[in-house]
PDB file of all heavy atoms in Angstrom:
ATOM      1  N   SER A   1      11.942  59.714  26.994  1.00  0.00           N
ATOM      2  CA  SER A   1      11.339  60.584  25.989  1.00  0.00           C
ATOM      3  C   SER A   1      10.606  59.717  24.976  1.00  0.00           C
ATOM      4  O   SER A   1      10.801  58.498  24.934  1.00  0.00           O
ATOM      5  CB  SER A   1      12.409  61.426  25.294  1.00  0.00           C
ATOM      6  OG  SER A   1      13.335  60.596  24.628  1.00  0.00           O
ATOM      7  N   GLY A   2       9.764  60.370  24.176  1.00  0.00           N
ATOM      8  CA  GLY A   2       9.101  59.657  23.092  1.00  0.00           C
ATOM      9  C   GLY A   2       7.641  59.336  23.313  1.00  0.00           C
ATOM     10  O   GLY A   2       6.984  58.796  22.418  1.00  0.00           O
ATOM     11  N   GLY A   3       7.116  59.649  24.483  1.00  0.00           N
ATOM     12  CA  GLY A   3       5.707  59.369  24.729  1.00  0.00           C
ATOM     13  C   GLY A   3       4.809  60.292  23.922  1.00  0.00           C
ATOM     14  O   GLY A   3       5.268  61.250  23.298  1.00  0.00           O
ATOM     15  N   GLY A   4       3.524  59.980  23.947  1.00  0.00           N
ATOM     16  CA  GLY A   4       2.585  60.828  23.224  1.00  0.00           C
ATOM     17  C   GLY A   4       1.227  60.170  23.091  1.00  0.00           C
ATOM     18  O   GLY A   4       0.961  59.136  23.710  1.00  0.00           O
ATOM     19  N   LEU A   5       0.390  60.813  22.271  1.00  0.00           N
ATOM     20  CA  LEU A   5      -0.961  60.322  22.009  1.00  0.00           C
ATOM     21  C   LEU A   5      -1.002  59.703  20.616  1.00  0.00           C
ATOM     22  O   LEU A   5      -0.642  60.366  19.629  1.00  0.00           O
ATOM     23  CB  LEU A   5      -1.945  61.490  22.105  1.00  0.00           C
ATOM     24  CG  LEU A   5      -3.384  61.213  21.666  1.00  0.00           C
ATOM     25  CD1 LEU A   5      -4.025  60.171  22.568  1.00  0.00           C
ATOM     26  CD2 LEU A   5      -4.187  62.517  21.672  1.00  0.00           C
ATOM     27  N   VAL A   6      -1.410  58.440  20.558  1.00  0.00           N
ATOM     28  CA  VAL A   6      -1.500  57.738  19.278  1.00  0.00           C
ATOM     29  C   VAL A   6      -2.826  56.988  19.217  1.00  0.00           C
ATOM     30  O   VAL A   6      -3.521  56.860  20.226  1.00  0.00           O
ATOM     31  CB  VAL A   6      -0.333  56.750  19.085  1.00  0.00           C
ATOM     32  CG1 VAL A   6       1.001  57.495  19.040  1.00  0.00           C
ATOM     33  CG2 VAL A   6      -0.324  55.692  20.189  1.00  0.00           C
ATOM     34  N   GLN A   7      -3.121  56.466  18.035  1.00  0.00           N
ATOM     35  CA  GLN A   7      -4.330  55.674  17.864  1.00  0.00           C
ATOM     36  C   GLN A   7      -4.006  54.191  17.971  1.00  0.00           C
ATOM     37  O   GLN A   7      -2.847  53.783  17.768  1.00  0.00           O
ATOM     38  CB  GLN A   7      -4.962  55.971  16.507  1.00  0.00           C
ATOM     39  CG  GLN A   7      -5.523  57.380  16.396  1.00  0.00           C
ATOM     40  CD  GLN A   7      -6.288  57.608  15.118  1.00  0.00           C
ATOM     41  OE1 GLN A   7      -6.019  56.958  14.095  1.00  0.00           O
ATOM     42  NE2 GLN A   7      -7.251  58.516  15.150  1.00  0.00           N
ATOM     43  N   ALA A   8      -5.012  53.410  18.274  1.00  0.00           N
ATOM     44  CA  ALA A   8      -4.827  51.963  18.338  1.00  0.00           C
ATOM     45  C   ALA A   8      -4.263  51.455  17.016  1.00  0.00           C
ATOM     46  O   ALA A   8      -4.705  51.882  15.948  1.00  0.00           O
ATOM     47  CB  ALA A   8      -6.150  51.283  18.652  1.00  0.00           C
ATOM     48  N   GLY A   9      -3.267  50.579  17.127  1.00  0.00           N
ATOM     49  CA  GLY A   9      -2.606  50.029  15.959  1.00  0.00           C
ATOM     50  C   GLY A   9      -1.349  50.781  15.549  1.00  0.00           C
ATOM     51  O   GLY A   9      -0.550  50.271  14.748  1.00  0.00           O
ATOM     52  N   ASP A  10      -1.161  51.961  16.078  1.00  0.00           N
ATOM     53  CA  ASP A  10       0.030  52.757  15.757  1.00  0.00           C
ATOM     54  C   ASP A  10       1.258  52.240  16.501  1.00  0.00           C
ATOM     55  O   ASP A  10       1.168  51.352  17.357  1.00  0.00           O
ATOM     56  CB  ASP A  10      -0.208  54.222  16.116  1.00  0.00           C
ATOM     57  CG  ASP A  10      -1.112  54.914  15.135  1.00  0.00           C
ATOM     58  OD1 ASP A  10      -1.434  54.315  14.081  1.00  0.00           O
ATOM     59  OD2 ASP A  10      -1.508  56.069  15.416  1.00  0.00           O
ATOM     60  N   SER A  11       2.377  52.834  16.166  1.00  0.00           N
ATOM     61  CA  SER A  11       3.650  52.500  16.817  1.00  0.00           C
ATOM     62  C   SER A  11       4.220  53.729  17.512  1.00  0.00           C
ATOM     63  O   SER A  11       3.914  54.869  17.134  1.00  0.00           O
ATOM     64  CB  SER A  11       4.663  51.983  15.792  1.00  0.00           C
ATOM     65  OG  SER A  11       4.212  50.782  15.193  1.00  0.00           O
ATOM     66  N   LEU A  12       5.053  53.462  18.494  1.00  0.00           N
ATOM     67  CA  LEU A  12       5.715  54.536  19.234  1.00  0.00           C
ATOM     68  C   LEU A  12       7.049  53.986  19.735  1.00  0.00           C
ATOM     69  O   LEU A  12       7.142  52.798  20.082  1.00  0.00           O
ATOM     70  CB  LEU A  12       4.844  54.972  20.405  1.00  0.00           C
ATOM     71  CG  LEU A  12       4.943  56.399  20.950  1.00  0.00           C
ATOM     72  CD1 LEU A  12       4.672  57.429  19.855  1.00  0.00           C
ATOM     73  CD2 LEU A  12       3.962  56.575  22.087  1.00  0.00           C
ATOM     74  N   ARG A  13       8.052  54.839  19.774  1.00  0.00           N
ATOM     75  CA  ARG A  13       9.355  54.409  20.275  1.00  0.00           C
ATOM     76  C   ARG A  13       9.733  55.282  21.456  1.00  0.00           C
ATOM     77  O   ARG A  13       9.847  56.502  21.322  1.00  0.00           O
ATOM     78  CB  ARG A  13      10.426  54.505  19.197  1.00  0.00           C
ATOM     79  CG  ARG A  13      11.767  53.904  19.594  1.00  0.00           C
ATOM     80  CD  ARG A  13      12.755  53.947  18.434  1.00  0.00           C
ATOM     81  NE  ARG A  13      14.004  53.259  18.743  1.00  0.00           N
ATOM     82  CZ  ARG A  13      14.210  51.968  18.494  1.00  0.00           C
ATOM     83  NH1 ARG A  13      13.244  51.239  17.949  1.00  0.00           N
ATOM     84  NH2 ARG A  13      15.374  51.409  18.793  1.00  0.00           N
ATOM     85  N   LEU A  14       9.932  54.666  22.599  1.00  0.00           N
ATOM     86  CA  LEU A  14      10.393  55.358  23.785  1.00  0.00           C
ATOM     87  C   LEU A  14      11.901  55.219  23.892  1.00  0.00           C
ATOM     88  O   LEU A  14      12.465  54.177  23.554  1.00  0.00           O
ATOM     89  CB  LEU A  14       9.738  54.783  25.030  1.00  0.00           C
ATOM     90  CG  LEU A  14       8.208  54.741  25.066  1.00  0.00           C
ATOM     91  CD1 LEU A  14       7.733  54.201  26.405  1.00  0.00           C
ATOM     92  CD2 LEU A  14       7.621  56.108  24.785  1.00  0.00           C
ATOM     93  N   SER A  15      12.520  56.270  24.378  1.00  0.00           N
ATOM     94  CA  SER A  15      13.956  56.238  24.566  1.00  0.00           C
ATOM     95  C   SER A  15      14.295  56.625  25.995  1.00  0.00           C
ATOM     96  O   SER A  15      13.645  57.479  26.588  1.00  0.00           O
ATOM     97  CB  SER A  15      14.648  57.197  23.589  1.00  0.00           C
ATOM     98  OG  SER A  15      16.050  57.068  23.694  1.00  0.00           O
ATOM     99  N   CYS A  16      15.312  55.981  26.532  1.00  0.00           N
ATOM    100  CA  CYS A  16      15.802  56.278  27.882  1.00  0.00           C
ATOM    101  C   CYS A  16      17.271  56.642  27.762  1.00  0.00           C
ATOM    102  O   CYS A  16      18.088  55.810  27.358  1.00  0.00           O
ATOM    103  CB  CYS A  16      15.618  55.072  28.777  1.00  0.00           C
ATOM    104  SG  CYS A  16      16.301  55.248  30.433  1.00  0.00           S
ATOM    105  N   ALA A  17      17.600  57.865  28.123  1.00  0.00           N
ATOM    106  CA  ALA A  17      18.981  58.331  28.086  1.00  0.00           C
ATOM    107  C   ALA A  17      19.553  58.296  29.495  1.00  0.00           C
ATOM    108  O   ALA A  17      18.954  58.829  30.423  1.00  0.00           O
ATOM    109  CB  ALA A  17      19.044  59.744  27.529  1.00  0.00           C
ATOM    110  N   ALA A  18      20.711  57.658  29.628  1.00  0.00           N
ATOM    111  CA  ALA A  18      21.334  57.505  30.935  1.00  0.00           C
ATOM    112  C   ALA A  18      22.607  58.339  31.019  1.00  0.00           C
ATOM    113  O   ALA A  18      23.336  58.489  30.041  1.00  0.00           O
ATOM    114  CB  ALA A  18      21.659  56.039  31.190  1.00  0.00           C
ATOM    115  N   SER A  19      22.874  58.840  32.201  1.00  0.00           N
ATOM    116  CA  SER A  19      24.110  59.566  32.448  1.00  0.00           C
ATOM    117  C   SER A  19      24.587  59.232  33.856  1.00  0.00           C
ATOM    118  O   SER A  19      23.802  58.820  34.713  1.00  0.00           O
ATOM    119  CB  SER A  19      23.904  61.064  32.295  1.00  0.00           C
ATOM    120  OG  SER A  19      22.955  61.534  33.227  1.00  0.00           O
ATOM    121  N   GLY A  20      25.877  59.390  34.061  1.00  0.00           N
ATOM    122  CA  GLY A  20      26.427  59.074  35.371  1.00  0.00           C
ATOM    123  C   GLY A  20      27.432  57.945  35.268  1.00  0.00           C
ATOM    124  O   GLY A  20      28.404  58.043  34.529  1.00  0.00           O
ATOM    125  N   ARG A  21      27.179  56.885  35.956  1.00  0.00           N
ATOM    126  CA  ARG A  21      28.109  55.763  35.990  1.00  0.00           C
ATOM    127  C   ARG A  21      28.028  54.946  34.694  1.00  0.00           C
ATOM    128  O   ARG A  21      27.177  55.161  33.849  1.00  0.00           O
ATOM    129  CB  ARG A  21      27.820  54.890  37.205  1.00  0.00           C
ATOM    130  CG  ARG A  21      27.976  55.630  38.524  1.00  0.00           C
ATOM    131  CD  ARG A  21      27.782  54.711  39.694  1.00  0.00           C
ATOM    132  NE  ARG A  21      28.873  53.740  39.804  1.00  0.00           N
ATOM    133  CZ  ARG A  21      28.911  52.782  40.704  1.00  0.00           C
ATOM    134  NH1 ARG A  21      27.901  52.649  41.561  1.00  0.00           N
ATOM    135  NH2 ARG A  21      29.908  51.928  40.771  1.00  0.00           N
ATOM    136  N   THR A  22      28.936  54.022  34.554  1.00  0.00           N
ATOM    137  CA  THR A  22      29.059  53.228  33.340  1.00  0.00           C
ATOM    138  C   THR A  22      27.759  52.504  33.023  1.00  0.00           C
ATOM    139  O   THR A  22      27.319  51.641  33.783  1.00  0.00           O
ATOM    140  CB  THR A  22      30.201  52.215  33.479  1.00  0.00           C
ATOM    141  OG1 THR A  22      31.403  52.913  33.810  1.00  0.00           O
ATOM    142  CG2 THR A  22      30.400  51.454  32.182  1.00  0.00           C
ATOM    143  N   PHE A  23      27.194  52.846  31.884  1.00  0.00           N
ATOM    144  CA  PHE A  23      25.878  52.340  31.517  1.00  0.00           C
ATOM    145  C   PHE A  23      25.856  50.820  31.395  1.00  0.00           C
ATOM    146  O   PHE A  23      24.882  50.170  31.771  1.00  0.00           O
ATOM    147  CB  PHE A  23      25.468  52.987  30.185  1.00  0.00           C
ATOM    148  CG  PHE A  23      24.103  52.595  29.701  1.00  0.00           C
ATOM    149  CD1 PHE A  23      22.965  52.970  30.392  1.00  0.00           C
ATOM    150  CD2 PHE A  23      23.951  51.860  28.525  1.00  0.00           C
ATOM    151  CE1 PHE A  23      21.711  52.631  29.943  1.00  0.00           C
ATOM    152  CE2 PHE A  23      22.703  51.515  28.065  1.00  0.00           C
ATOM    153  CZ  PHE A  23      21.579  51.903  28.772  1.00  0.00           C
ATOM    154  N   SER A  24      26.926  50.254  30.898  1.00  0.00           N
ATOM    155  CA  SER A  24      26.954  48.804  30.668  1.00  0.00           C
ATOM    156  C   SER A  24      26.994  47.984  31.946  1.00  0.00           C
ATOM    157  O   SER A  24      26.906  46.756  31.904  1.00  0.00           O
ATOM    158  CB  SER A  24      28.154  48.434  29.782  1.00  0.00           C
ATOM    159  OG  SER A  24      29.352  48.795  30.438  1.00  0.00           O
ATOM    160  N   TRP A  25      27.090  48.624  33.087  1.00  0.00           N
ATOM    161  CA  TRP A  25      27.043  47.914  34.359  1.00  0.00           C
ATOM    162  C   TRP A  25      25.613  47.599  34.795  1.00  0.00           C
ATOM    163  O   TRP A  25      25.404  46.903  35.772  1.00  0.00           O
ATOM    164  CB  TRP A  25      27.692  48.743  35.469  1.00  0.00           C
ATOM    165  CG  TRP A  25      29.157  48.931  35.348  1.00  0.00           C
ATOM    166  CD1 TRP A  25      29.996  48.368  34.432  1.00  0.00           C
ATOM    167  CD2 TRP A  25      29.968  49.764  36.181  1.00  0.00           C
ATOM    168  NE1 TRP A  25      31.282  48.788  34.636  1.00  0.00           N
ATOM    169  CE2 TRP A  25      31.305  49.649  35.704  1.00  0.00           C
ATOM    170  CE3 TRP A  25      29.705  50.593  37.262  1.00  0.00           C
ATOM    171  CZ2 TRP A  25      32.361  50.342  36.296  1.00  0.00           C
ATOM    172  CZ3 TRP A  25      30.762  51.266  37.855  1.00  0.00           C
ATOM    173  CH2 TRP A  25      32.079  51.136  37.364  1.00  0.00           C
ATOM    174  N   TYR A  26      24.636  48.146  34.082  1.00  0.00           N
ATOM    175  CA  TYR A  26      23.255  48.087  34.530  1.00  0.00           C
ATOM    176  C   TYR A  26      22.379  47.218  33.633  1.00  0.00           C
ATOM    177  O   TYR A  26      22.409  47.341  32.405  1.00  0.00           O
ATOM    178  CB  TYR A  26      22.663  49.485  34.582  1.00  0.00           C
ATOM    179  CG  TYR A  26      23.328  50.365  35.601  1.00  0.00           C
ATOM    180  CD1 TYR A  26      24.446  51.110  35.267  1.00  0.00           C
ATOM    181  CD2 TYR A  26      22.831  50.443  36.905  1.00  0.00           C
ATOM    182  CE1 TYR A  26      25.063  51.908  36.219  1.00  0.00           C
ATOM    183  CE2 TYR A  26      23.439  51.244  37.851  1.00  0.00           C
ATOM    184  CZ  TYR A  26      24.565  51.966  37.505  1.00  0.00           C
ATOM    185  OH  TYR A  26      25.172  52.760  38.447  1.00  0.00           O
ATOM    186  N   VAL A  27      21.586  46.389  34.272  1.00  0.00           N
ATOM    187  CA  VAL A  27      20.431  45.794  33.600  1.00  0.00           C
ATOM    188  C   VAL A  27      19.401  46.906  33.468  1.00  0.00           C
ATOM    189  O   VAL A  27      19.199  47.688  34.399  1.00  0.00           O
ATOM    190  CB  VAL A  27      19.851  44.636  34.431  1.00  0.00           C
ATOM    191  CG1 VAL A  27      18.542  44.143  33.826  1.00  0.00           C
ATOM    192  CG2 VAL A  27      20.853  43.506  34.552  1.00  0.00           C
ATOM    193  N   MET A  28      18.771  46.989  32.306  1.00  0.00           N
ATOM    194  CA  MET A  28      17.782  48.047  32.067  1.00  0.00           C
ATOM    195  C   MET A  28      16.392  47.446  31.947  1.00  0.00           C
ATOM    196  O   MET A  28      16.210  46.322  31.441  1.00  0.00           O
ATOM    197  CB  MET A  28      18.116  48.815  30.795  1.00  0.00           C
ATOM    198  CG  MET A  28      19.455  49.533  30.860  1.00  0.00           C
ATOM    199  SD  MET A  28      19.543  50.729  32.201  1.00  0.00           S
ATOM    200  CE  MET A  28      18.277  51.914  31.687  1.00  0.00           C
ATOM    201  N   GLY A  29      15.427  48.202  32.419  1.00  0.00           N
ATOM    202  CA  GLY A  29      14.054  47.724  32.350  1.00  0.00           C
ATOM    203  C   GLY A  29      13.087  48.844  32.036  1.00  0.00           C
ATOM    204  O   GLY A  29      13.401  50.021  32.223  1.00  0.00           O
ATOM    205  N   TRP A  30      11.939  48.451  31.536  1.00  0.00           N
ATOM    206  CA  TRP A  30      10.814  49.373  31.333  1.00  0.00           C
ATOM    207  C   TRP A  30       9.627  48.843  32.135  1.00  0.00           C
ATOM    208  O   TRP A  30       9.331  47.637  32.094  1.00  0.00           O
ATOM    209  CB  TRP A  30      10.438  49.474  29.853  1.00  0.00           C
ATOM    210  CG  TRP A  30      11.358  50.312  29.043  1.00  0.00           C
ATOM    211  CD1 TRP A  30      12.459  49.894  28.323  1.00  0.00           C
ATOM    212  CD2 TRP A  30      11.289  51.728  28.861  1.00  0.00           C
ATOM    213  NE1 TRP A  30      13.058  50.964  27.709  1.00  0.00           N
ATOM    214  CE2 TRP A  30      12.357  52.099  28.020  1.00  0.00           C
ATOM    215  CE3 TRP A  30      10.430  52.728  29.317  1.00  0.00           C
ATOM    216  CZ2 TRP A  30      12.588  53.426  27.623  1.00  0.00           C
ATOM    217  CZ3 TRP A  30      10.656  54.030  28.926  1.00  0.00           C
ATOM    218  CH2 TRP A  30      11.723  54.369  28.085  1.00  0.00           C
ATOM    219  N   PHE A  31       8.990  49.756  32.833  1.00  0.00           N
ATOM    220  CA  PHE A  31       7.791  49.452  33.593  1.00  0.00           C
ATOM    221  C   PHE A  31       6.719  50.455  33.196  1.00  0.00           C
ATOM    222  O   PHE A  31       7.016  51.469  32.573  1.00  0.00           O
ATOM    223  CB  PHE A  31       8.074  49.549  35.100  1.00  0.00           C
ATOM    224  CG  PHE A  31       9.012  48.498  35.612  1.00  0.00           C
ATOM    225  CD1 PHE A  31      10.384  48.595  35.397  1.00  0.00           C
ATOM    226  CD2 PHE A  31       8.536  47.395  36.299  1.00  0.00           C
ATOM    227  CE1 PHE A  31      11.258  47.616  35.857  1.00  0.00           C
ATOM    228  CE2 PHE A  31       9.389  46.415  36.769  1.00  0.00           C
ATOM    229  CZ  PHE A  31      10.752  46.531  36.553  1.00  0.00           C
ATOM    230  N   ARG A  32       5.486  50.177  33.561  1.00  0.00           N
ATOM    231  CA  ARG A  32       4.410  51.119  33.266  1.00  0.00           C
ATOM    232  C   ARG A  32       3.371  51.103  34.378  1.00  0.00           C
ATOM    233  O   ARG A  32       3.210  50.111  35.073  1.00  0.00           O
ATOM    234  CB  ARG A  32       3.755  50.795  31.926  1.00  0.00           C
ATOM    235  CG  ARG A  32       2.981  49.483  31.896  1.00  0.00           C
ATOM    236  CD  ARG A  32       2.494  49.214  30.477  1.00  0.00           C
ATOM    237  NE  ARG A  32       1.694  47.983  30.408  1.00  0.00           N
ATOM    238  CZ  ARG A  32       1.235  47.459  29.279  1.00  0.00           C
ATOM    239  NH1 ARG A  32       1.484  48.058  28.099  1.00  0.00           N
ATOM    240  NH2 ARG A  32       0.513  46.345  29.304  1.00  0.00           N
ATOM    241  N   GLN A  33       2.694  52.239  34.494  1.00  0.00           N
ATOM    242  CA  GLN A  33       1.628  52.359  35.489  1.00  0.00           C
ATOM    243  C   GLN A  33       0.423  53.025  34.853  1.00  0.00           C
ATOM    244  O   GLN A  33       0.490  54.194  34.449  1.00  0.00           O
ATOM    245  CB  GLN A  33       2.096  53.143  36.711  1.00  0.00           C
ATOM    246  CG  GLN A  33       1.077  53.154  37.831  1.00  0.00           C
ATOM    247  CD  GLN A  33       1.647  53.690  39.125  1.00  0.00           C
ATOM    248  OE1 GLN A  33       2.654  54.397  39.148  1.00  0.00           O
ATOM    249  NE2 GLN A  33       1.011  53.350  40.227  1.00  0.00           N
ATOM    250  N   ALA A  34      -0.655  52.272  34.770  1.00  0.00           N
ATOM    251  CA  ALA A  34      -1.904  52.785  34.231  1.00  0.00           C
ATOM    252  C   ALA A  34      -2.697  53.453  35.354  1.00  0.00           C
ATOM    253  O   ALA A  34      -2.485  53.144  36.532  1.00  0.00           O
ATOM    254  CB  ALA A  34      -2.709  51.649  33.613  1.00  0.00           C
ATOM    255  N   PRO A  35      -3.607  54.338  35.003  1.00  0.00           N
ATOM    256  CA  PRO A  35      -4.405  55.015  36.029  1.00  0.00           C
ATOM    257  C   PRO A  35      -5.143  54.017  36.920  1.00  0.00           C
ATOM    258  O   PRO A  35      -5.804  53.102  36.435  1.00  0.00           O
ATOM    259  CB  PRO A  35      -5.394  55.843  35.202  1.00  0.00           C
ATOM    260  CG  PRO A  35      -4.707  56.067  33.910  1.00  0.00           C
ATOM    261  CD  PRO A  35      -3.919  54.826  33.648  1.00  0.00           C
ATOM    262  N   GLY A  36      -4.984  54.190  38.231  1.00  0.00           N
ATOM    263  CA  GLY A  36      -5.680  53.330  39.174  1.00  0.00           C
ATOM    264  C   GLY A  36      -5.086  51.952  39.346  1.00  0.00           C
ATOM    265  O   GLY A  36      -5.658  51.105  40.043  1.00  0.00           O
TER     266      GLY A  36
END
């Protein structure tokens, strides 16, 4: 959650909420895919 439309120079905070197995067992990562 947390995505949106902003202007250059602005800030944004993305959040990832996990459920299921013990969260601390996992290395967490963020990836991105731009158009094309």
